[in-house]
């Protein structure tokens, strides 16, 4: 019996461009992916300064926005997954954010 083996290639990102309605991720292999900012409510509610304060994590396999407590994985982006945060969790975050601002 033969089995099919596939090689798992890990895509790594190197840059993000953020506009008022879109996130564009640039990968080290030359690809770019754009997704609606609305997919990620914390980023949508962040200021331009907060949105542009990000860093790569996991050797380019994800991104972290410290000011917004948001993390995105390259795998999730490639699979087209929007935020999985519950409305309840997001509302708590908004409430806490309102107290800090």
PDB file of N, CA and C in Angstrom:
ATOM      1  N   UNK A   1       0.838  -1.173   0.000  1.00  0.00           N
ATOM      2  CA  UNK A   1       0.000   0.000   0.000  1.00  0.00           C
ATOM      3  C   UNK A   1       0.886   1.239   0.000  1.00  0.00           C
ATOM      4  N   UNK A   2       0.538   2.190  -0.827  1.00  0.00           N
ATOM      5  CA  UNK A   2       1.259   3.461  -0.892  1.00  0.00           C
ATOM      6  C   UNK A   2       0.528   4.508  -0.066  1.00  0.00           C
ATOM      7  N   UNK A   3       1.288   5.344   0.557  1.00  0.00           N
ATOM      8  CA  UNK A   3       0.692   6.476   1.280  1.00  0.00           C
ATOM      9  C   UNK A   3       1.218   7.756   0.679  1.00  0.00           C
ATOM     10  N   UNK A   4       0.360   8.713   0.630  1.00  0.00           N
ATOM     11  CA  UNK A   4       0.727  10.020   0.103  1.00  0.00           C
ATOM     12  C   UNK A   4       1.331  10.845   1.225  1.00  0.00           C
ATOM     13  N   UNK A   5       2.508  11.311   1.007  1.00  0.00           N
ATOM     14  CA  UNK A   5       3.145  12.184   1.980  1.00  0.00           C
ATOM     15  C   UNK A   5       3.217  13.570   1.386  1.00  0.00           C
ATOM     16  N   UNK A   6       2.833  14.516   2.179  1.00  0.00           N
ATOM     17  CA  UNK A   6       2.933  15.898   1.726  1.00  0.00           C
ATOM     18  C   UNK A   6       3.906  16.635   2.612  1.00  0.00           C
ATOM     19  N   UNK A   7       4.616  17.509   2.014  1.00  0.00           N
ATOM     20  CA  UNK A   7       5.562  18.328   2.751  1.00  0.00           C
ATOM     21  C   UNK A   7       4.823  19.564   3.248  1.00  0.00           C
ATOM     22  N   UNK A   8       4.959  19.832   4.512  1.00  0.00           N
ATOM     23  CA  UNK A   8       4.317  21.015   5.080  1.00  0.00           C
ATOM     24  C   UNK A   8       5.273  22.186   4.924  1.00  0.00           C
ATOM     25  N   UNK A   9       4.838  23.158   4.176  1.00  0.00           N
ATOM     26  CA  UNK A   9       5.645  24.352   3.970  1.00  0.00           C
ATOM     27  C   UNK A   9       5.058  25.451   4.842  1.00  0.00           C
ATOM     28  N   UNK A  10       5.880  26.033   5.670  1.00  0.00           N
ATOM     29  CA  UNK A  10       5.419  27.083   6.568  1.00  0.00           C
ATOM     30  C   UNK A  10       5.658  28.425   5.908  1.00  0.00           C
ATOM     31  N   UNK A  11       4.574  29.143   5.675  1.00  0.00           N
ATOM     32  CA  UNK A  11       4.681  30.484   5.106  1.00  0.00           C
ATOM     33  C   UNK A  11       5.087  31.436   6.215  1.00  0.00           C
ATOM     34  N   UNK A  12       5.979  32.338   5.906  1.00  0.00           N
ATOM     35  CA  UNK A  12       6.435  33.314   6.882  1.00  0.00           C
ATOM     36  C   UNK A  12       6.209  34.706   6.340  1.00  0.00           C
ATOM     37  N   UNK A  13       5.677  35.545   7.192  1.00  0.00           N
ATOM     38  CA  UNK A  13       5.372  36.905   6.799  1.00  0.00           C
ATOM     39  C   UNK A  13       6.473  37.841   7.273  1.00  0.00           C
ATOM     40  N   UNK A  14       6.609  38.934   6.552  1.00  0.00           N
ATOM     41  CA  UNK A  14       7.641  39.890   6.922  1.00  0.00           C
ATOM     42  C   UNK A  14       7.129  41.311   7.098  1.00  0.00           C
ATOM     43  N   UNK A  15       5.931  41.618   6.612  1.00  0.00           N
ATOM     44  CA  UNK A  15       5.443  42.996   6.716  1.00  0.00           C
ATOM     45  C   UNK A  15       3.917  43.031   6.671  1.00  0.00           C
ATOM     46  N   UNK A  16       3.364  44.066   7.279  1.00  0.00           N
ATOM     47  CA  UNK A  16       1.925  44.313   7.244  1.00  0.00           C
ATOM     48  C   UNK A  16       1.711  45.770   6.861  1.00  0.00           C
ATOM     49  N   UNK A  17       0.754  45.975   5.989  1.00  0.00           N
ATOM     50  CA  UNK A  17       0.310  47.324   5.665  1.00  0.00           C
ATOM     51  C   UNK A  17      -1.134  47.434   6.117  1.00  0.00           C
ATOM     52  N   UNK A  18      -1.436  48.470   6.892  1.00  0.00           N
ATOM     53  CA  UNK A  18      -2.771  48.649   7.447  1.00  0.00           C
ATOM     54  C   UNK A  18      -3.367  49.928   6.891  1.00  0.00           C
ATOM     55  N   UNK A  19      -4.565  49.809   6.335  1.00  0.00           N
ATOM     56  CA  UNK A  19      -5.323  50.995   5.914  1.00  0.00           C
ATOM     57  C   UNK A  19      -6.573  51.084   6.788  1.00  0.00           C
ATOM     58  N   UNK A  20      -7.471  51.996   6.477  1.00  0.00           N
ATOM     59  CA  UNK A  20      -8.689  52.144   7.271  1.00  0.00           C
ATOM     60  C   UNK A  20      -9.625  50.946   7.144  1.00  0.00           C
ATOM     61  N   UNK A  21      -9.466  50.143   6.081  1.00  0.00           N
ATOM     62  CA  UNK A  21     -10.385  49.020   5.899  1.00  0.00           C
ATOM     63  C   UNK A  21      -9.737  47.698   5.477  1.00  0.00           C
ATOM     64  N   UNK A  22      -8.404  47.669   5.355  1.00  0.00           N
ATOM     65  CA  UNK A  22      -7.739  46.469   4.857  1.00  0.00           C
ATOM     66  C   UNK A  22      -6.419  46.209   5.577  1.00  0.00           C
ATOM     67  N   UNK A  23      -6.132  44.931   5.782  1.00  0.00           N
ATOM     68  CA  UNK A  23      -4.812  44.489   6.238  1.00  0.00           C
ATOM     69  C   UNK A  23      -4.177  43.745   5.076  1.00  0.00           C
ATOM     70  N   UNK A  24      -2.955  44.105   4.726  1.00  0.00           N
ATOM     71  CA  UNK A  24      -2.226  43.402   3.678  1.00  0.00           C
ATOM     72  C   UNK A  24      -0.960  42.824   4.289  1.00  0.00           C
ATOM     73  N   UNK A  25      -0.800  41.520   4.121  1.00  0.00           N
ATOM     74  CA  UNK A  25       0.332  40.794   4.674  1.00  0.00           C
ATOM     75  C   UNK A  25       1.263  40.412   3.538  1.00  0.00           C
ATOM     76  N   UNK A  26       2.537  40.744   3.672  1.00  0.00           N
ATOM     77  CA  UNK A  26       3.556  40.391   2.680  1.00  0.00           C
ATOM     78  C   UNK A  26       4.395  39.246   3.239  1.00  0.00           C
ATOM     79  N   UNK A  27       4.568  38.219   2.425  1.00  0.00           N
ATOM     80  CA  UNK A  27       5.290  37.026   2.834  1.00  0.00           C
ATOM     81  C   UNK A  27       6.693  37.015   2.231  1.00  0.00           C
ATOM     82  N   UNK A  28       7.582  36.292   2.887  1.00  0.00           N
ATOM     83  CA  UNK A  28       8.976  36.247   2.431  1.00  0.00           C
ATOM     84  C   UNK A  28       9.113  35.609   1.050  1.00  0.00           C
ATOM     85  N   UNK A  29       8.130  34.802   0.644  1.00  0.00           N
ATOM     86  CA  UNK A  29       8.204  34.162  -0.677  1.00  0.00           C
ATOM     87  C   UNK A  29       7.629  35.026  -1.801  1.00  0.00           C
ATOM     88  N   UNK A  30       7.259  36.271  -1.486  1.00  0.00           N
ATOM     89  CA  UNK A  30       6.772  37.194  -2.510  1.00  0.00           C
ATOM     90  C   UNK A  30       5.261  37.326  -2.587  1.00  0.00           C
ATOM     91  N   UNK A  31       4.521  36.441  -1.935  1.00  0.00           N
ATOM     92  CA  UNK A  31       3.056  36.543  -1.940  1.00  0.00           C
ATOM     93  C   UNK A  31       2.583  37.652  -1.016  1.00  0.00           C
ATOM     94  N   UNK A  32       1.393  38.151  -1.304  1.00  0.00           N
ATOM     95  CA  UNK A  32       0.701  39.090  -0.424  1.00  0.00           C
ATOM     96  C   UNK A  32      -0.749  38.664  -0.327  1.00  0.00           C
ATOM     97  N   UNK A  33      -1.329  38.868   0.849  1.00  0.00           N
ATOM     98  CA  UNK A  33      -2.743  38.568   1.074  1.00  0.00           C
ATOM     99  C   UNK A  33      -3.371  39.782   1.728  1.00  0.00           C
ATOM    100  N   UNK A  34      -4.530  40.176   1.218  1.00  0.00           N
ATOM    101  CA  UNK A  34      -5.285  41.273   1.830  1.00  0.00           C
ATOM    102  C   UNK A  34      -6.584  40.732   2.387  1.00  0.00           C
ATOM    103  N   UNK A  35      -6.934  41.188   3.587  1.00  0.00           N
ATOM    104  CA  UNK A  35      -8.171  40.781   4.244  1.00  0.00           C
ATOM    105  C   UNK A  35      -8.864  42.023   4.786  1.00  0.00           C
ATOM    106  N   UNK A  36     -10.191  41.958   4.930  1.00  0.00           N
ATOM    107  CA  UNK A  36     -10.907  43.109   5.475  1.00  0.00           C
ATOM    108  C   UNK A  36     -10.536  43.344   6.937  1.00  0.00           C
ATOM    109  N   UNK A  37     -10.309  44.579   7.290  1.00  0.00           N
ATOM    110  CA  UNK A  37     -10.015  44.922   8.676  1.00  0.00           C
ATOM    111  C   UNK A  37     -11.189  44.538   9.578  1.00  0.00           C
ATOM    112  N   UNK A  38     -12.391  44.545   9.039  1.00  0.00           N
ATOM    113  CA  UNK A  38     -13.592  44.198   9.806  1.00  0.00           C
ATOM    114  C   UNK A  38     -13.559  42.754  10.323  1.00  0.00           C
ATOM    115  N   UNK A  39     -12.719  41.912   9.757  1.00  0.00           N
ATOM    116  CA  UNK A  39     -12.593  40.541  10.249  1.00  0.00           C
ATOM    117  C   UNK A  39     -12.006  40.502  11.649  1.00  0.00           C
ATOM    118  N   UNK A  40     -11.344  41.565  12.048  1.00  0.00           N
ATOM    119  CA  UNK A  40     -10.648  41.605  13.335  1.00  0.00           C
ATOM    120  C   UNK A  40     -11.099  42.849  14.108  1.00  0.00           C
ATOM    121  N   UNK A  41     -12.178  42.721  14.880  1.00  0.00           N
ATOM    122  CA  UNK A  41     -12.787  43.884  15.541  1.00  0.00           C
ATOM    123  C   UNK A  41     -11.838  44.696  16.415  1.00  0.00           C
ATOM    124  N   UNK A  42     -10.906  44.044  17.098  1.00  0.00           N
ATOM    125  CA  UNK A  42      -9.971  44.816  17.929  1.00  0.00           C
ATOM    126  C   UNK A  42      -9.116  45.733  17.065  1.00  0.00           C
ATOM    127  N   UNK A  43      -8.675  45.228  15.924  1.00  0.00           N
ATOM    128  CA  UNK A  43      -7.899  46.070  15.018  1.00  0.00           C
ATOM    129  C   UNK A  43      -8.770  47.168  14.420  1.00  0.00           C
ATOM    130  N   UNK A  44     -10.005  46.833  14.090  1.00  0.00           N
ATOM    131  CA  UNK A  44     -10.931  47.809  13.530  1.00  0.00           C
ATOM    132  C   UNK A  44     -11.153  48.972  14.493  1.00  0.00           C
ATOM    133  N   UNK A  45     -11.217  48.674  15.788  1.00  0.00           N
ATOM    134  CA  UNK A  45     -11.455  49.709  16.793  1.00  0.00           C
ATOM    135  C   UNK A  45     -10.168  50.385  17.277  1.00  0.00           C
ATOM    136  N   UNK A  46      -9.040  49.943  16.789  1.00  0.00           N
ATOM    137  CA  UNK A  46      -7.778  50.549  17.182  1.00  0.00           C
ATOM    138  C   UNK A  46      -7.484  51.815  16.406  1.00  0.00           C
ATOM    139  N   UNK A  47      -6.648  52.637  16.985  1.00  0.00           N
ATOM    140  CA  UNK A  47      -6.207  53.853  16.300  1.00  0.00           C
ATOM    141  C   UNK A  47      -5.152  53.470  15.255  1.00  0.00           C
ATOM    142  N   UNK A  48      -4.890  54.348  14.297  1.00  0.00           N
ATOM    143  CA  UNK A  48      -3.817  54.052  13.339  1.00  0.00           C
ATOM    144  C   UNK A  48      -2.485  53.763  14.032  1.00  0.00           C
ATOM    145  N   UNK A  49      -2.173  54.481  15.093  1.00  0.00           N
ATOM    146  CA  UNK A  49      -0.932  54.238  15.835  1.00  0.00           C
ATOM    147  C   UNK A  49      -0.920  52.828  16.424  1.00  0.00           C
ATOM    148  N   UNK A  50      -2.031  52.409  17.025  1.00  0.00           N
ATOM    149  CA  UNK A  50      -2.123  51.070  17.609  1.00  0.00           C
ATOM    150  C   UNK A  50      -2.048  49.980  16.548  1.00  0.00           C
ATOM    151  N   UNK A  51      -2.695  50.213  15.417  1.00  0.00           N
ATOM    152  CA  UNK A  51      -2.680  49.223  14.331  1.00  0.00           C
ATOM    153  C   UNK A  51      -1.295  49.043  13.731  1.00  0.00           C
ATOM    154  N   UNK A  52      -0.534  50.107  13.736  1.00  0.00           N
ATOM    155  CA  UNK A  52       0.804  50.043  13.146  1.00  0.00           C
ATOM    156  C   UNK A  52       1.879  49.626  14.147  1.00  0.00           C
ATOM    157  N   UNK A  53       1.497  49.397  15.384  1.00  0.00           N
ATOM    158  CA  UNK A  53       2.426  48.905  16.401  1.00  0.00           C
ATOM    159  C   UNK A  53       2.249  47.393  16.512  1.00  0.00           C
ATOM    160  N   UNK A  54       2.936  46.658  15.657  1.00  0.00           N
ATOM    161  CA  UNK A  54       2.845  45.200  15.626  1.00  0.00           C
ATOM    162  C   UNK A  54       4.259  44.631  15.550  1.00  0.00           C
ATOM    163  N   UNK A  55       4.340  43.344  15.843  1.00  0.00           N
ATOM    164  CA  UNK A  55       5.609  42.639  15.690  1.00  0.00           C
ATOM    165  C   UNK A  55       5.316  41.223  15.223  1.00  0.00           C
ATOM    166  N   UNK A  56       6.288  40.628  14.561  1.00  0.00           N
ATOM    167  CA  UNK A  56       6.132  39.228  14.176  1.00  0.00           C
ATOM    168  C   UNK A  56       6.415  38.348  15.390  1.00  0.00           C
ATOM    169  N   UNK A  57       5.754  37.207  15.434  1.00  0.00           N
ATOM    170  CA  UNK A  57       5.979  36.229  16.501  1.00  0.00           C
ATOM    171  C   UNK A  57       6.174  34.861  15.855  1.00  0.00           C
ATOM    172  N   UNK A  58       6.788  33.968  16.603  1.00  0.00           N
ATOM    173  CA  UNK A  58       6.982  32.604  16.088  1.00  0.00           C
ATOM    174  C   UNK A  58       7.798  32.550  14.822  1.00  0.00           C
ATOM    175  N   UNK A  59       8.850  33.367  14.748  1.00  0.00           N
ATOM    176  CA  UNK A  59       9.718  33.363  13.569  1.00  0.00           C
ATOM    177  C   UNK A  59       8.964  33.692  12.278  1.00  0.00           C
ATOM    178  N   UNK A  60       8.038  34.646  12.359  1.00  0.00           N
ATOM    179  CA  UNK A  60       7.289  35.066  11.176  1.00  0.00           C
ATOM    180  C   UNK A  60       6.023  34.283  10.924  1.00  0.00           C
ATOM    181  N   UNK A  61       5.638  33.406  11.856  1.00  0.00           N
ATOM    182  CA  UNK A  61       4.427  32.602  11.670  1.00  0.00           C
ATOM    183  C   UNK A  61       3.188  33.248  12.259  1.00  0.00           C
ATOM    184  N   UNK A  62       3.345  34.445  12.797  1.00  0.00           N
ATOM    185  CA  UNK A  62       2.201  35.155  13.350  1.00  0.00           C
ATOM    186  C   UNK A  62       2.553  36.594  13.644  1.00  0.00           C
ATOM    187  N   UNK A  63       1.540  37.323  14.125  1.00  0.00           N
ATOM    188  CA  UNK A  63       1.691  38.743  14.422  1.00  0.00           C
ATOM    189  C   UNK A  63       1.041  39.055  15.757  1.00  0.00           C
ATOM    190  N   UNK A  64       1.599  40.042  16.441  1.00  0.00           N
ATOM    191  CA  UNK A  64       1.052  40.469  17.729  1.00  0.00           C
ATOM    192  C   UNK A  64       0.954  41.986  17.743  1.00  0.00           C
ATOM    193  N   UNK A  65      -0.205  42.473  18.194  1.00  0.00           N
ATOM    194  CA  UNK A  65      -0.437  43.889  18.400  1.00  0.00           C
ATOM    195  C   UNK A  65      -0.547  44.110  19.918  1.00  0.00           C
ATOM    196  N   UNK A  66       0.532  44.570  20.569  1.00  0.00           N
ATOM    197  CA  UNK A  66       0.518  44.678  22.031  1.00  0.00           C
ATOM    198  C   UNK A  66      -0.509  45.672  22.563  1.00  0.00           C
ATOM    199  N   UNK A  67      -0.724  46.763  21.876  1.00  0.00           N
ATOM    200  CA  UNK A  67      -1.676  47.776  22.352  1.00  0.00           C
ATOM    201  C   UNK A  67      -3.118  47.292  22.291  1.00  0.00           C
ATOM    202  N   UNK A  68      -3.389  46.320  21.429  1.00  0.00           N
ATOM    203  CA  UNK A  68      -4.756  45.839  21.217  1.00  0.00           C
ATOM    204  C   UNK A  68      -4.957  44.407  21.709  1.00  0.00           C
ATOM    205  N   UNK A  69      -3.907  43.796  22.229  1.00  0.00           N
ATOM    206  CA  UNK A  69      -3.951  42.418  22.713  1.00  0.00           C
ATOM    207  C   UNK A  69      -4.542  41.488  21.644  1.00  0.00           C
ATOM    208  N   UNK A  70      -4.004  41.592  20.441  1.00  0.00           N
ATOM    209  CA  UNK A  70      -4.483  40.803  19.299  1.00  0.00           C
ATOM    210  C   UNK A  70      -3.334  40.007  18.711  1.00  0.00           C
ATOM    211  N   UNK A  71      -3.597  38.759  18.389  1.00  0.00           N
ATOM    212  CA  UNK A  71      -2.630  37.890  17.731  1.00  0.00           C
ATOM    213  C   UNK A  71      -3.291  37.249  16.521  1.00  0.00           C
ATOM    214  N   UNK A  72      -2.566  37.206  15.401  1.00  0.00           N
ATOM    215  CA  UNK A  72      -3.045  36.537  14.190  1.00  0.00           C
ATOM    216  C   UNK A  72      -1.966  35.583  13.710  1.00  0.00           C
ATOM    217  N   UNK A  73      -2.397  34.413  13.252  1.00  0.00           N
ATOM    218  CA  UNK A  73      -1.445  33.452  12.707  1.00  0.00           C
ATOM    219  C   UNK A  73      -1.472  33.494  11.187  1.00  0.00           C
ATOM    220  N   UNK A  74      -0.324  33.217  10.591  1.00  0.00           N
ATOM    221  CA  UNK A  74      -0.245  33.133   9.140  1.00  0.00           C
ATOM    222  C   UNK A  74      -1.157  32.013   8.645  1.00  0.00           C
ATOM    223  N   UNK A  75      -1.177  30.906   9.358  1.00  0.00           N
ATOM    224  CA  UNK A  75      -2.035  29.787   8.970  1.00  0.00           C
ATOM    225  C   UNK A  75      -3.499  30.218   8.902  1.00  0.00           C
ATOM    226  N   UNK A  76      -3.973  30.926   9.914  1.00  0.00           N
ATOM    227  CA  UNK A  76      -5.354  31.415   9.914  1.00  0.00           C
ATOM    228  C   UNK A  76      -5.633  32.348   8.752  1.00  0.00           C
ATOM    229  N   UNK A  77      -4.669  33.205   8.436  1.00  0.00           N
ATOM    230  CA  UNK A  77      -4.831  34.119   7.301  1.00  0.00           C
ATOM    231  C   UNK A  77      -4.943  33.347   5.989  1.00  0.00           C
ATOM    232  N   UNK A  78      -4.059  32.365   5.812  1.00  0.00           N
ATOM    233  CA  UNK A  78      -4.073  31.581   4.580  1.00  0.00           C
ATOM    234  C   UNK A  78      -5.355  30.764   4.433  1.00  0.00           C
ATOM    235  N   UNK A  79      -5.945  30.380   5.563  1.00  0.00           N
ATOM    236  CA  UNK A  79      -7.198  29.624   5.532  1.00  0.00           C
ATOM    237  C   UNK A  79      -8.429  30.529   5.492  1.00  0.00           C
ATOM    238  N   UNK A  80      -8.214  31.833   5.528  1.00  0.00           N
ATOM    239  CA  UNK A  80      -9.330  32.776   5.444  1.00  0.00           C
ATOM    240  C   UNK A  80     -10.170  32.840   6.705  1.00  0.00           C
ATOM    241  N   UNK A  81      -9.551  32.653   7.860  1.00  0.00           N
ATOM    242  CA  UNK A  81     -10.281  32.659   9.130  1.00  0.00           C
ATOM    243  C   UNK A  81     -10.355  34.062   9.727  1.00  0.00           C
ATOM    244  N   UNK A  82     -11.551  34.581   9.901  1.00  0.00           N
ATOM    245  CA  UNK A  82     -11.678  35.846  10.633  1.00  0.00           C
ATOM    246  C   UNK A  82     -11.515  35.596  12.130  1.00  0.00           C
ATOM    247  N   UNK A  83     -11.599  36.631  12.917  1.00  0.00           N
ATOM    248  CA  UNK A  83     -11.458  36.502  14.366  1.00  0.00           C
ATOM    249  C   UNK A  83     -12.465  35.508  14.918  1.00  0.00           C
ATOM    250  N   UNK A  84     -12.011  34.692  15.851  1.00  0.00           N
ATOM    251  CA  UNK A  84     -12.897  33.737  16.504  1.00  0.00           C
ATOM    252  C   UNK A  84     -13.338  34.214  17.877  1.00  0.00           C
ATOM    253  N   UNK A  85     -13.039  35.473  18.199  1.00  0.00           N
ATOM    254  CA  UNK A  85     -13.398  36.003  19.513  1.00  0.00           C
ATOM    255  C   UNK A  85     -14.911  36.117  19.651  1.00  0.00           C
ATOM    256  N   UNK A  86     -15.428  35.728  20.795  1.00  0.00           N
ATOM    257  CA  UNK A  86     -16.871  35.819  21.031  1.00  0.00           C
ATOM    258  C   UNK A  86     -17.282  37.275  21.226  1.00  0.00           C
ATOM    259  N   UNK A  87     -18.536  37.549  20.973  1.00  0.00           N
ATOM    260  CA  UNK A  87     -19.064  38.903  21.179  1.00  0.00           C
ATOM    261  C   UNK A  87     -18.911  39.323  22.637  1.00  0.00           C
ATOM    262  N   UNK A  88     -19.120  38.379  23.531  1.00  0.00           N
ATOM    263  CA  UNK A  88     -19.012  38.666  24.963  1.00  0.00           C
ATOM    264  C   UNK A  88     -17.584  39.091  25.336  1.00  0.00           C
ATOM    265  N   UNK A  89     -16.606  38.350  24.851  1.00  0.00           N
ATOM    266  CA  UNK A  89     -15.210  38.681  25.111  1.00  0.00           C
ATOM    267  C   UNK A  89     -14.845  40.029  24.500  1.00  0.00           C
ATOM    268  N   UNK A  90     -15.293  40.246  23.277  1.00  0.00           N
ATOM    269  CA  UNK A  90     -14.997  41.517  22.606  1.00  0.00           C
ATOM    270  C   UNK A  90     -15.628  42.680  23.363  1.00  0.00           C
ATOM    271  N   UNK A  91     -16.849  42.512  23.836  1.00  0.00           N
ATOM    272  CA  UNK A  91     -17.513  43.579  24.587  1.00  0.00           C
ATOM    273  C   UNK A  91     -16.772  43.905  25.879  1.00  0.00           C
ATOM    274  N   UNK A  92     -16.284  42.863  26.571  1.00  0.00           N
ATOM    275  CA  UNK A  92     -15.477  43.097  27.783  1.00  0.00           C
ATOM    276  C   UNK A  92     -14.225  43.905  27.441  1.00  0.00           C
ATOM    277  N   UNK A  93     -13.592  43.554  26.327  1.00  0.00           N
ATOM    278  CA  UNK A  93     -12.397  44.267  25.896  1.00  0.00           C
ATOM    279  C   UNK A  93     -12.735  45.726  25.590  1.00  0.00           C
ATOM    280  N   UNK A  94     -13.842  45.959  24.888  1.00  0.00           N
ATOM    281  CA  UNK A  94     -14.261  47.333  24.581  1.00  0.00           C
ATOM    282  C   UNK A  94     -14.536  48.120  25.860  1.00  0.00           C
ATOM    283  N   UNK A  95     -15.208  47.488  26.814  1.00  0.00           N
ATOM    284  CA  UNK A  95     -15.518  48.158  28.076  1.00  0.00           C
ATOM    285  C   UNK A  95     -14.243  48.547  28.816  1.00  0.00           C
ATOM    286  N   UNK A  96     -13.299  47.632  28.893  1.00  0.00           N
ATOM    287  CA  UNK A  96     -12.013  47.920  29.554  1.00  0.00           C
ATOM    288  C   UNK A  96     -11.232  48.995  28.809  1.00  0.00           C
ATOM    289  N   UNK A  97     -11.286  48.929  27.506  1.00  0.00           N
ATOM    290  CA  UNK A  97     -10.600  49.924  26.676  1.00  0.00           C
ATOM    291  C   UNK A  97     -11.167  51.313  26.926  1.00  0.00           C
ATOM    292  N   UNK A  98     -12.484  51.404  27.046  1.00  0.00           N
ATOM    293  CA  UNK A  98     -13.139  52.690  27.307  1.00  0.00           C
ATOM    294  C   UNK A  98     -12.713  53.296  28.630  1.00  0.00           C
ATOM    295  N   UNK A  99     -12.437  52.458  29.601  1.00  0.00           N
ATOM    296  CA  UNK A  99     -11.987  52.946  30.901  1.00  0.00           C
ATOM    297  C   UNK A  99     -10.570  53.498  30.840  1.00  0.00           C
ATOM    298  N   UNK A 100      -9.749  52.934  29.938  1.00  0.00           N
ATOM    299  CA  UNK A 100      -8.348  53.363  29.827  1.00  0.00           C
ATOM    300  C   UNK A 100      -8.190  54.611  28.992  1.00  0.00           C
ATOM    301  N   UNK A 101      -9.104  54.844  28.064  1.00  0.00           N
ATOM    302  CA  UNK A 101      -8.933  55.988  27.139  1.00  0.00           C
ATOM    303  C   UNK A 101      -9.366  57.282  27.726  1.00  0.00           C
TER     304      UNK A 101
END
